[in-house]
Amino acid sequence: MKKVKPVILSGGSGSRLWPLSRSKYPKQFLPMIGSKSLFTQTLERVGKEYGFAMPLVVANEHHRFIVNEQAAKVGVELERILLEPVGRNTAPAVAAAALLIAEENPEALLLFLASDHVIMDMPGFHKAVQLAAKAADEGHLCCFGMTPTRPETGYGYIKAGAALSALEGAFQIEAFKEKPDVETARSYLEEGSFSWNSGMFLFRADVILAEFETHAPDMLEATRKALAGAKDDLNFLRMDADDFGAVPADSIDYAIMEKTERAAVVPAEFGWSDVGSFSALWDVQEKDENGNVSHGDVMLEETNDSFIHQGDGMLVATLGVKDLVVVTTDDAVLIADKKRDQDVKKIVDRLKAEGRPETELHSIVYRPWGNYRTLAMGDRYQVKEIEVYPGKRLSLQKHHHRAEHWVIVEGSAVVTRDEEQHLMSENQSIYLPLGAIHRLENPGKIPLRLIEVQSGSYLGEDDIVRLEDDFHREGEK
């Protein structure tokens, strides 16, 4: 296991789980199963206590501070975070990670995991990784095939071929199959040699790079160029948007795995799900006597086989329904046929086309220093609840179009206002006139909470001029 280097791919947006998942705070960072996020659960299952090397995370640039914060919460040290300025699918992410790690250890065994999968059987997972590591060390490109339990049409399938010599439980791959219709999926299930393609892989860095040279040389060369121009920023490695945007987009399955002669599969059962839809989320959770999965303040009457998630503080009641998905947040409600939940993305696409903000952010917006939530908004005013984490501070900034009034409701604050500094505690307030240079800092050991009242002719987040910032965001909105 010491040779196994986990690479966590965390670039997805989870649009089929809207409105819980939003593009700037997607499903991998949410506690979909249990009290911890899917991302932190992924980090923990490849922790150093199991013998793995320190993980590398490949993340969307918008999520970089969330990755750092969540890793710190569970005490996982990250070597660095490789940032994708634009999404190019999984193959360029694999190539970039392999190039980066091969600089130090070309024979490193790279375990590529999605950040948003559920694995219920940790020992079973580790056993499968050990077998795949042996096969990868011999030059195979290993997939993890999940033993199918139903005629699922939402996954691709892998057909196992001949067994690998001296590696009981690992097989050559005879064929990859696209997502089938239900009759074809049923035939795969009955045939017995097919597995679900889990999207998890293990291979040696030098071997996968050689396969890129053979099957996707243009992609490899463009990725190499993007990495050569990357810049270090805190613990992030940031690739240029134009350079990485020039890399051809493709999945690792299409670009390499379906073309290579080195492909192998380790069939396994360890309670895996990609929780890519509400029906998948329903499938892996405990149900009541009527087959319902429910969260929050709900009242179910004559309701069967449904997924009900209340997340906005209001009671959700259902009567005489079956096979429904009902999800509420404080800014959106989704009601869908559970059999149609793969089509939730159609709603997200429409919302994007109309330029609606509900696709990007929750009402709680996370920042590297804490978070804020909008409580009320009018033509010339806005009221927010702000939380600042212990020891953190906002940028030194000013606004051209708005003034602000801060009321401390919990904790203590150091407020910079032009040339003055004020130490403030609960029930104290301060006024920041338009154009004032100001900063907010939490010097304490508990969260700082305050109410902010903004007033002015323009209240958008892009009316922030950052003069100095601990998180190097001076040029960002």
Protein backbone atom coordinates (compact mmCIF):
# COMPACT_ATOMS: atom_id res chain seq x y z
CA MET A 1 0.00 0.00 0.00
CA LYS A 2 2.93 2.38 0.58
CA LYS A 3 3.45 2.55 -3.17
CA VAL A 4 -0.22 3.41 -3.74
CA LYS A 5 -0.74 7.13 -4.27
CA PRO A 6 -4.43 8.11 -4.04
CA VAL A 7 -5.55 10.73 -6.54
CA ILE A 8 -8.97 12.18 -5.70
CA LEU A 9 -10.84 13.61 -8.69
CA SER A 10 -13.16 16.34 -7.42
CA GLY A 11 -14.29 18.29 -10.44
CA GLY A 12 -17.94 17.28 -10.77
CA SER A 13 -21.05 19.40 -10.20
CA GLY A 14 -23.61 16.69 -9.34
CA SER A 15 -26.38 18.31 -11.37
CA ARG A 16 -28.71 15.28 -11.07
CA LEU A 17 -28.87 15.93 -7.32
CA TRP A 18 -30.10 19.51 -7.66
CA PRO A 19 -31.27 21.40 -5.60
CA LEU A 20 -29.08 19.82 -2.90
CA SER A 21 -26.03 19.95 -5.17
CA ARG A 22 -25.00 23.26 -6.79
CA SER A 23 -22.09 23.88 -9.16
CA LYS A 24 -20.09 25.95 -6.66
CA TYR A 25 -20.90 23.66 -3.72
CA PRO A 26 -21.61 20.24 -5.29
CA LYS A 27 -22.61 16.90 -3.82
CA GLN A 28 -19.10 15.70 -2.90
CA PHE A 29 -18.92 18.40 -0.21
CA LEU A 30 -22.31 17.57 1.29
CA PRO A 31 -23.17 14.96 3.97
CA MET A 32 -25.28 12.81 1.67
CA ILE A 33 -24.73 9.64 3.74
CA GLY A 34 -24.04 10.10 7.45
CA SER A 35 -22.65 13.23 9.08
CA LYS A 36 -19.51 13.62 6.94
CA SER A 37 -19.29 14.79 3.36
CA LEU A 38 -18.63 12.30 0.56
CA PHE A 39 -15.28 14.02 -0.07
CA THR A 40 -14.04 13.60 3.50
CA GLN A 41 -15.24 9.99 3.54
CA THR A 42 -13.16 9.40 0.40
CA LEU A 43 -10.10 10.95 2.03
CA GLU A 44 -10.54 8.85 5.17
CA ARG A 45 -10.77 5.52 3.35
CA VAL A 46 -7.30 6.11 1.85
CA GLY A 47 -5.78 7.50 5.05
CA LYS A 48 -2.20 6.97 6.14
CA GLU A 49 -3.38 4.59 8.89
CA TYR A 50 -4.17 2.12 6.07
CA GLY A 51 -0.69 2.53 4.60
CA PHE A 52 -1.50 4.81 1.65
CA ALA A 53 0.77 7.62 0.51
CA MET A 54 -0.38 11.22 0.98
CA PRO A 55 -3.24 11.96 -1.44
CA LEU A 56 -3.22 14.38 -4.35
CA VAL A 57 -6.52 16.14 -5.06
CA VAL A 58 -7.48 17.38 -8.53
CA ALA A 59 -10.20 19.98 -8.02
CA ASN A 60 -12.21 22.65 -9.75
CA GLU A 61 -10.64 26.04 -9.09
CA HIS A 62 -13.89 27.32 -7.56
CA HIS A 63 -13.75 24.58 -4.89
CA ARG A 64 -10.14 25.00 -3.76
CA PHE A 65 -10.83 26.50 -0.34
CA ILE A 66 -13.64 24.02 0.37
CA VAL A 67 -11.18 21.16 -0.30
CA ASN A 68 -8.66 22.62 2.13
CA GLU A 69 -11.25 23.31 4.81
CA GLN A 70 -12.87 19.88 4.67
CA ALA A 71 -9.53 18.02 4.65
CA ALA A 72 -8.44 20.02 7.70
CA LYS A 73 -11.69 19.17 9.52
CA VAL A 74 -10.92 15.45 9.39
CA GLY A 75 -7.18 15.90 9.99
CA VAL A 76 -6.05 14.74 6.53
CA GLU A 77 -2.87 16.33 5.23
CA LEU A 78 -2.83 16.99 1.48
CA GLU A 79 0.43 17.13 -0.45
CA ARG A 80 -1.00 19.71 -2.83
CA ILE A 81 -4.16 20.48 -4.75
CA LEU A 82 -3.98 20.54 -8.54
CA LEU A 83 -6.54 23.04 -9.84
CA GLU A 84 -8.51 22.70 -13.07
CA PRO A 85 -9.50 26.17 -14.30
CA VAL A 86 -12.02 24.56 -16.70
CA GLY A 87 -13.52 21.09 -16.86
CA ARG A 88 -12.02 18.77 -19.49
CA ASN A 89 -13.41 15.41 -18.30
CA THR A 90 -11.38 12.69 -16.57
CA ALA A 91 -8.64 11.85 -19.09
CA PRO A 92 -6.78 15.21 -18.88
CA ALA A 93 -7.08 15.09 -15.06
CA VAL A 94 -5.51 11.62 -15.04
CA ALA A 95 -2.74 12.72 -17.42
CA ALA A 96 -1.95 15.82 -15.37
CA ALA A 97 -1.78 13.88 -12.09
CA ALA A 98 0.37 11.15 -13.64
CA LEU A 99 2.80 13.69 -15.13
CA LEU A 100 3.08 15.51 -11.82
CA ILE A 101 3.67 12.39 -9.71
CA ALA A 102 5.99 10.74 -12.26
CA GLU A 103 8.44 13.63 -11.84
CA GLU A 104 9.32 12.20 -8.41
CA ASN A 105 8.37 8.54 -8.77
CA PRO A 106 7.54 7.17 -12.23
CA GLU A 107 6.71 3.74 -10.77
CA ALA A 108 4.17 5.09 -8.27
CA LEU A 109 0.88 3.19 -8.25
CA LEU A 110 -1.89 5.73 -8.83
CA LEU A 111 -5.31 4.97 -7.33
CA PHE A 112 -7.83 7.26 -9.03
CA LEU A 113 -11.03 7.73 -7.03
CA ALA A 114 -14.03 9.97 -7.55
CA SER A 115 -14.66 12.24 -4.59
CA ASP A 116 -18.41 11.62 -4.55
CA HIS A 117 -18.81 7.83 -4.31
CA VAL A 118 -20.12 5.80 -1.39
CA ILE A 119 -18.28 2.67 -0.21
CA MET A 120 -19.91 0.86 2.69
CA ASP A 121 -17.43 -2.04 3.14
CA MET A 122 -14.02 -0.54 3.92
CA PRO A 123 -12.15 -3.87 4.42
CA GLY A 124 -13.60 -5.17 1.14
CA PHE A 125 -12.43 -2.01 -0.62
CA HIS A 126 -8.89 -2.31 0.77
CA LYS A 127 -8.72 -5.99 -0.21
CA ALA A 128 -9.69 -5.10 -3.81
CA VAL A 129 -7.09 -2.31 -3.88
CA GLN A 130 -4.37 -4.71 -2.75
CA LEU A 131 -5.18 -7.12 -5.58
CA ALA A 132 -5.38 -4.32 -8.15
CA ALA A 133 -2.05 -2.93 -6.89
CA LYS A 134 -0.35 -6.27 -7.62
CA ALA A 135 -1.82 -6.31 -11.11
CA ALA A 136 -0.88 -2.67 -11.72
CA ASP A 137 2.68 -3.30 -10.55
CA GLU A 138 2.93 -5.88 -13.33
CA GLY A 139 1.87 -3.29 -15.92
CA HIS A 140 -1.90 -3.71 -16.10
CA LEU A 141 -4.38 -0.82 -16.13
CA CYS A 142 -6.92 -1.92 -13.55
CA CYS A 143 -10.61 -1.06 -13.33
CA PHE A 144 -12.76 -1.91 -10.33
CA GLY A 145 -15.87 -3.72 -11.54
CA MET A 146 -18.83 -3.80 -9.20
CA THR A 147 -20.86 -7.01 -9.16
CA PRO A 148 -24.31 -5.96 -10.46
CA THR A 149 -27.32 -6.52 -8.23
CA ARG A 150 -30.04 -5.34 -10.64
CA PRO A 151 -30.46 -4.57 -14.37
CA GLU A 152 -29.14 -1.01 -13.99
CA THR A 153 -29.30 1.21 -17.10
CA GLY A 154 -27.41 4.14 -15.61
CA TYR A 155 -23.94 2.50 -15.57
CA GLY A 156 -21.53 1.27 -18.21
CA TYR A 157 -20.57 -2.40 -18.05
CA ILE A 158 -17.28 -4.34 -18.23
CA LYS A 159 -17.13 -7.92 -19.56
CA ALA A 160 -14.40 -9.99 -17.91
CA GLY A 161 -12.24 -12.22 -20.10
CA ALA A 162 -9.42 -14.62 -19.23
CA ALA A 163 -8.00 -14.67 -15.70
CA LEU A 164 -4.66 -12.99 -15.12
CA SER A 165 -2.01 -15.61 -14.39
CA ALA A 166 -0.93 -15.83 -10.74
CA LEU A 167 -3.48 -13.17 -9.73
CA GLU A 168 -6.62 -14.91 -8.60
CA GLY A 169 -9.61 -12.58 -8.79
CA ALA A 170 -8.25 -10.32 -11.57
CA PHE A 171 -9.16 -10.68 -15.25
CA GLN A 172 -8.37 -9.28 -18.64
CA ILE A 173 -11.12 -7.04 -20.02
CA GLU A 174 -12.87 -8.53 -23.02
CA ALA A 175 -15.15 -5.58 -23.73
CA PHE A 176 -16.56 -2.29 -22.44
CA LYS A 177 -20.30 -1.78 -22.97
CA GLU A 178 -22.19 1.50 -23.02
CA LYS A 179 -25.15 2.14 -20.73
CA PRO A 180 -27.67 -0.47 -21.93
CA ASP A 181 -31.44 -0.57 -22.17
CA VAL A 182 -33.20 -2.57 -19.48
CA GLU A 183 -33.46 -5.80 -21.50
CA THR A 184 -29.76 -5.74 -22.37
CA ALA A 185 -28.89 -4.97 -18.74
CA ARG A 186 -30.99 -7.94 -17.65
CA SER A 187 -29.09 -10.21 -20.06
CA TYR A 188 -25.76 -8.95 -18.66
CA LEU A 189 -26.97 -9.77 -15.17
CA GLU A 190 -27.99 -13.31 -16.18
CA GLU A 191 -24.78 -13.95 -18.16
CA GLY A 192 -22.65 -13.47 -15.05
CA SER A 193 -19.35 -12.14 -16.43
CA PHE A 194 -20.32 -8.46 -16.48
CA SER A 195 -19.54 -5.81 -13.87
CA TRP A 196 -20.62 -2.22 -13.44
CA ASN A 197 -17.86 0.19 -14.43
CA SER A 198 -17.25 2.05 -11.17
CA GLY A 199 -14.99 4.75 -12.64
CA MET A 200 -12.18 3.88 -10.20
CA PHE A 201 -8.77 2.91 -11.57
CA LEU A 202 -5.31 1.83 -10.45
CA PHE A 203 -2.20 1.86 -12.64
CA ARG A 204 1.46 2.76 -12.58
CA ALA A 205 2.36 6.34 -13.52
CA ASP A 206 4.88 5.41 -16.21
CA VAL A 207 2.54 2.81 -17.73
CA ILE A 208 -0.45 5.12 -18.08
CA LEU A 209 1.76 7.86 -19.55
CA ALA A 210 3.08 5.38 -22.12
CA GLU A 211 -0.53 4.55 -23.04
CA PHE A 212 -1.28 8.26 -23.45
CA GLU A 213 1.74 8.51 -25.78
CA THR A 214 0.27 5.69 -27.86
CA HIS A 215 -3.44 6.48 -27.84
CA ALA A 216 -3.80 10.20 -26.99
CA PRO A 217 -0.46 11.94 -27.73
CA ASP A 218 -2.05 15.32 -28.51
CA MET A 219 -3.89 15.31 -25.18
CA LEU A 220 -0.71 14.36 -23.32
CA GLU A 221 1.36 17.07 -25.00
CA ALA A 222 -1.27 19.75 -24.35
CA THR A 223 -1.53 18.65 -20.70
CA ARG A 224 2.26 18.73 -20.36
CA LYS A 225 2.24 22.31 -21.67
CA ALA A 226 -0.50 23.32 -19.22
CA LEU A 227 1.48 21.85 -16.32
CA ALA A 228 4.69 23.56 -17.44
CA GLY A 229 2.98 26.93 -17.13
CA ALA A 230 1.31 26.16 -13.79
CA LYS A 231 2.01 28.42 -10.81
CA ASP A 232 2.19 27.62 -7.10
CA ASP A 233 -0.28 29.54 -4.93
CA LEU A 234 -0.44 28.60 -1.24
CA ASN A 235 -0.80 24.78 -1.42
CA PHE A 236 -2.46 24.99 -4.86
CA LEU A 237 -0.90 24.36 -8.25
CA ARG A 238 -2.85 26.54 -10.69
CA MET A 239 -2.86 25.80 -14.41
CA ASP A 240 -3.55 28.60 -16.87
CA ALA A 241 -7.13 28.65 -18.14
CA ASP A 242 -6.15 29.09 -21.79
CA ASP A 243 -3.49 26.38 -21.66
CA PHE A 244 -5.70 23.83 -19.94
CA GLY A 245 -8.69 24.86 -22.04
CA ALA A 246 -6.69 23.84 -25.12
CA VAL A 247 -6.41 20.24 -23.87
CA PRO A 248 -8.83 17.94 -25.75
CA ALA A 249 -11.70 16.88 -23.49
CA ASP A 250 -12.40 13.16 -23.08
CA SER A 251 -13.02 10.51 -20.46
CA ILE A 252 -10.27 8.12 -19.40
CA ASP A 253 -12.54 5.26 -20.55
CA TYR A 254 -12.77 6.50 -24.14
CA ALA A 255 -9.28 7.99 -24.43
CA ILE A 256 -7.31 5.04 -23.00
CA MET A 257 -9.14 2.15 -21.33
CA GLU A 258 -11.20 1.07 -24.37
CA LYS A 259 -8.10 1.19 -26.61
CA THR A 260 -5.32 -0.26 -24.48
CA GLU A 261 -4.29 -3.92 -24.53
CA ARG A 262 -3.31 -3.70 -20.85
CA ALA A 263 -6.82 -3.29 -19.41
CA ALA A 264 -7.77 -5.52 -16.47
CA VAL A 265 -10.70 -5.69 -14.09
CA VAL A 266 -10.98 -6.64 -10.43
CA PRO A 267 -14.62 -7.64 -9.81
CA ALA A 268 -15.62 -6.77 -6.25
CA GLU A 269 -18.46 -6.16 -3.85
CA PHE A 270 -17.85 -3.48 -1.22
CA GLY A 271 -21.12 -1.57 -1.01
CA TRP A 272 -20.31 0.85 -3.81
CA SER A 273 -22.59 3.52 -5.26
CA ASP A 274 -21.83 6.63 -7.27
CA VAL A 275 -24.94 8.24 -5.70
CA GLY A 276 -25.43 9.97 -9.02
CA SER A 277 -29.18 10.38 -8.59
CA PHE A 278 -31.83 10.51 -5.90
CA SER A 279 -32.86 6.92 -6.64
CA ALA A 280 -29.24 5.84 -6.07
CA LEU A 281 -29.23 7.82 -2.83
CA TRP A 282 -32.52 6.16 -1.86
CA ASP A 283 -31.09 2.76 -2.72
CA VAL A 284 -28.15 2.89 -0.25
CA GLN A 285 -29.99 4.31 2.79
CA GLU A 286 -32.11 2.79 5.52
CA LYS A 287 -35.82 2.81 4.74
CA ASP A 288 -38.95 2.83 6.89
CA GLU A 289 -41.57 0.06 6.81
CA ASN A 290 -43.11 1.58 3.67
CA GLY A 291 -39.85 1.82 1.76
CA ASN A 292 -39.33 5.56 2.29
CA VAL A 293 -36.08 7.41 2.95
CA SER A 294 -36.70 10.71 4.72
CA HIS A 295 -34.60 13.50 6.22
CA GLY A 296 -35.63 16.45 8.33
CA ASP A 297 -39.07 17.53 9.53
CA VAL A 298 -41.38 15.36 7.43
CA MET A 299 -44.82 13.81 7.89
CA LEU A 300 -45.64 10.86 5.63
CA GLU A 301 -49.17 9.52 5.25
CA GLU A 302 -49.90 6.67 2.83
CA THR A 303 -46.53 7.31 1.19
CA ASN A 304 -44.45 4.49 -0.28
CA ASP A 305 -41.00 3.96 -1.82
CA SER A 306 -40.22 7.69 -1.87
CA PHE A 307 -37.26 9.93 -1.11
CA ILE A 308 -38.24 12.97 0.98
CA HIS A 309 -35.61 15.52 2.01
CA GLN A 310 -36.63 18.57 4.03
CA GLY A 311 -33.91 21.17 4.27
CA ASP A 312 -35.57 24.57 4.61
CA GLY A 313 -36.96 24.60 8.15
CA MET A 314 -40.56 24.05 7.05
CA LEU A 315 -42.60 20.89 7.53
CA VAL A 316 -42.93 18.70 4.43
CA ALA A 317 -46.06 16.48 4.38
CA THR A 318 -46.99 13.92 1.76
CA LEU A 319 -50.26 12.04 1.30
CA GLY A 320 -51.17 9.16 -1.02
CA VAL A 321 -48.02 9.21 -3.14
CA LYS A 322 -45.57 6.58 -4.34
CA ASP A 323 -42.13 6.56 -6.01
CA LEU A 324 -41.65 10.32 -5.60
CA VAL A 325 -38.62 12.48 -4.97
CA VAL A 326 -39.43 15.56 -2.88
CA VAL A 327 -36.50 17.84 -1.98
CA THR A 328 -36.84 21.25 -0.38
CA THR A 329 -34.21 23.88 0.30
CA ASP A 330 -34.80 27.47 1.34
CA ASP A 331 -34.68 28.67 -2.27
CA ALA A 332 -36.00 25.75 -4.35
CA VAL A 333 -38.36 22.74 -4.28
CA LEU A 334 -38.02 19.67 -6.49
CA ILE A 335 -40.87 17.17 -6.99
CA ALA A 336 -40.08 14.35 -9.40
CA ASP A 337 -41.03 10.82 -10.35
CA LYS A 338 -38.29 8.65 -8.80
CA LYS A 339 -38.06 6.70 -12.05
CA ARG A 340 -37.26 9.96 -13.90
CA ASP A 341 -34.63 11.33 -11.54
CA GLN A 342 -31.88 10.90 -14.16
CA ASP A 343 -33.61 13.78 -15.99
CA VAL A 344 -33.19 16.32 -13.18
CA LYS A 345 -30.26 17.62 -15.23
CA LYS A 346 -32.81 18.90 -17.79
CA ILE A 347 -34.16 21.28 -15.15
CA VAL A 348 -30.63 22.43 -14.30
CA ASP A 349 -29.92 23.04 -18.00
CA ARG A 350 -33.06 25.20 -18.28
CA LEU A 351 -32.15 27.18 -15.17
CA LYS A 352 -28.67 27.80 -16.57
CA ALA A 353 -30.10 28.90 -19.91
CA GLU A 354 -32.27 31.43 -18.07
CA GLY A 355 -29.30 32.69 -16.04
CA ARG A 356 -30.85 31.78 -12.69
CA PRO A 357 -28.56 31.73 -9.64
CA GLU A 358 -30.10 28.59 -8.10
CA THR A 359 -27.79 26.37 -10.19
CA GLU A 360 -24.58 27.80 -8.74
CA LEU A 361 -24.95 28.62 -5.07
CA HIS A 362 -26.95 27.67 -2.03
CA SER A 363 -28.40 30.41 0.12
CA ILE A 364 -25.34 29.80 2.34
CA VAL A 365 -22.25 30.87 0.40
CA TYR A 366 -18.92 29.47 1.57
CA ARG A 367 -15.70 31.45 1.58
CA PRO A 368 -12.20 30.50 2.81
CA TRP A 369 -12.76 32.61 5.94
CA GLY A 370 -16.28 31.35 6.73
CA ASN A 371 -19.70 31.78 5.13
CA TYR A 372 -22.64 34.12 4.72
CA ARG A 373 -26.38 33.80 4.14
CA THR A 374 -28.71 36.43 2.69
CA LEU A 375 -31.67 37.04 5.02
CA ALA A 376 -33.46 39.85 3.18
CA MET A 377 -33.03 41.90 0.04
CA GLY A 378 -34.62 45.03 -1.44
CA ASP A 379 -33.89 47.58 -4.18
CA ARG A 380 -31.25 49.43 -2.13
CA TYR A 381 -30.59 47.19 0.85
CA GLN A 382 -29.46 43.67 1.73
CA VAL A 383 -29.21 41.89 5.10
CA LYS A 384 -26.74 39.03 5.63
CA GLU A 385 -25.78 36.70 8.46
CA ILE A 386 -21.98 36.24 8.44
CA GLU A 387 -19.85 33.61 10.17
CA VAL A 388 -16.06 34.00 10.44
CA TYR A 389 -14.04 30.96 11.50
CA PRO A 390 -11.67 31.28 14.49
CA GLY A 391 -8.37 32.86 13.51
CA LYS A 392 -9.58 33.89 10.03
CA ARG A 393 -10.03 37.33 8.51
CA LEU A 394 -11.61 38.80 5.43
CA SER A 395 -9.64 40.74 2.84
CA LEU A 396 -8.74 44.39 3.38
CA GLN A 397 -11.28 45.95 1.02
CA LYS A 398 -13.53 48.81 0.03
CA HIS A 399 -16.78 49.31 -1.90
CA HIS A 400 -17.66 51.95 -4.47
CA HIS A 401 -21.44 51.69 -4.22
CA ARG A 402 -22.47 50.58 -0.75
CA ALA A 403 -22.12 51.31 2.95
CA GLU A 404 -22.31 48.61 5.64
CA HIS A 405 -23.45 48.35 9.23
CA TRP A 406 -22.19 45.40 11.33
CA VAL A 407 -23.84 44.11 14.51
CA ILE A 408 -21.88 41.46 16.47
CA VAL A 409 -24.18 38.72 17.80
CA GLU A 410 -21.65 36.07 18.92
CA GLY A 411 -17.90 36.00 19.55
CA SER A 412 -15.43 38.84 19.23
CA ALA A 413 -14.13 40.84 16.29
CA VAL A 414 -11.27 43.11 15.34
CA VAL A 415 -12.58 45.66 12.84
CA THR A 416 -10.27 47.82 10.77
CA ARG A 417 -11.90 51.04 9.49
CA ASP A 418 -9.50 53.29 7.61
CA GLU A 419 -6.79 54.19 10.15
CA GLU A 420 -8.73 52.90 13.18
CA GLN A 421 -8.92 49.46 14.80
CA HIS A 422 -11.80 48.41 17.05
CA LEU A 423 -12.03 45.36 19.32
CA MET A 424 -15.71 44.48 19.47
CA SER A 425 -17.86 41.94 21.30
CA GLU A 426 -21.49 40.79 21.36
CA ASN A 427 -24.23 43.45 20.99
CA GLN A 428 -21.79 46.07 19.71
CA SER A 429 -22.07 47.60 16.24
CA ILE A 430 -20.05 49.71 13.82
CA TYR A 431 -20.83 51.71 10.67
CA LEU A 432 -18.62 51.50 7.56
CA PRO A 433 -19.35 54.41 5.20
CA LEU A 434 -19.15 54.11 1.42
CA GLY A 435 -15.49 54.02 0.31
CA ALA A 436 -14.07 53.19 3.74
CA ILE A 437 -11.14 50.76 3.72
CA HIS A 438 -12.11 48.00 6.12
CA ARG A 439 -11.40 44.48 7.32
CA LEU A 440 -13.10 41.98 9.65
CA GLU A 441 -11.11 39.49 11.75
CA ASN A 442 -12.00 36.81 14.30
CA PRO A 443 -9.25 36.77 16.96
CA GLY A 444 -11.09 34.31 19.20
CA LYS A 445 -11.42 30.53 19.56
CA ILE A 446 -15.13 30.35 18.74
CA PRO A 447 -16.93 31.37 15.54
CA LEU A 448 -17.70 35.06 15.08
CA ARG A 449 -21.27 35.76 13.94
CA LEU A 450 -22.66 39.12 12.91
CA ILE A 451 -25.53 40.69 11.01
CA GLU A 452 -24.51 42.89 8.09
CA VAL A 453 -26.87 45.50 6.67
CA GLN A 454 -25.79 46.83 3.27
CA SER A 455 -27.30 49.93 1.69
CA GLY A 456 -26.48 51.65 -1.57
CA SER A 457 -27.10 51.90 -5.30
CA TYR A 458 -25.46 48.55 -6.14
CA LEU A 459 -25.07 45.53 -3.83
CA GLY A 460 -23.43 42.86 -6.03
CA GLU A 461 -20.49 40.77 -4.83
CA ASP A 462 -18.35 42.20 -7.63
CA ASP A 463 -18.36 45.59 -5.86
CA ILE A 464 -15.42 44.45 -3.74
CA VAL A 465 -11.98 45.98 -4.28
CA ARG A 466 -9.52 43.72 -2.44
CA LEU A 467 -6.40 45.60 -1.40
CA GLU A 468 -4.82 42.75 0.58
CA ASP A 469 -5.92 39.15 1.04
CA ASP A 470 -4.63 36.15 3.01
CA PHE A 471 -6.03 33.84 0.32
CA HIS A 472 -4.50 35.56 -2.75
CA ARG A 473 -7.87 36.53 -4.25
CA GLU A 474 -7.00 40.15 -5.05
CA GLY A 475 -8.04 39.82 -8.70
CA GLU A 476 -11.18 37.74 -8.10
CA LYS A 477 -14.80 38.78 -7.70
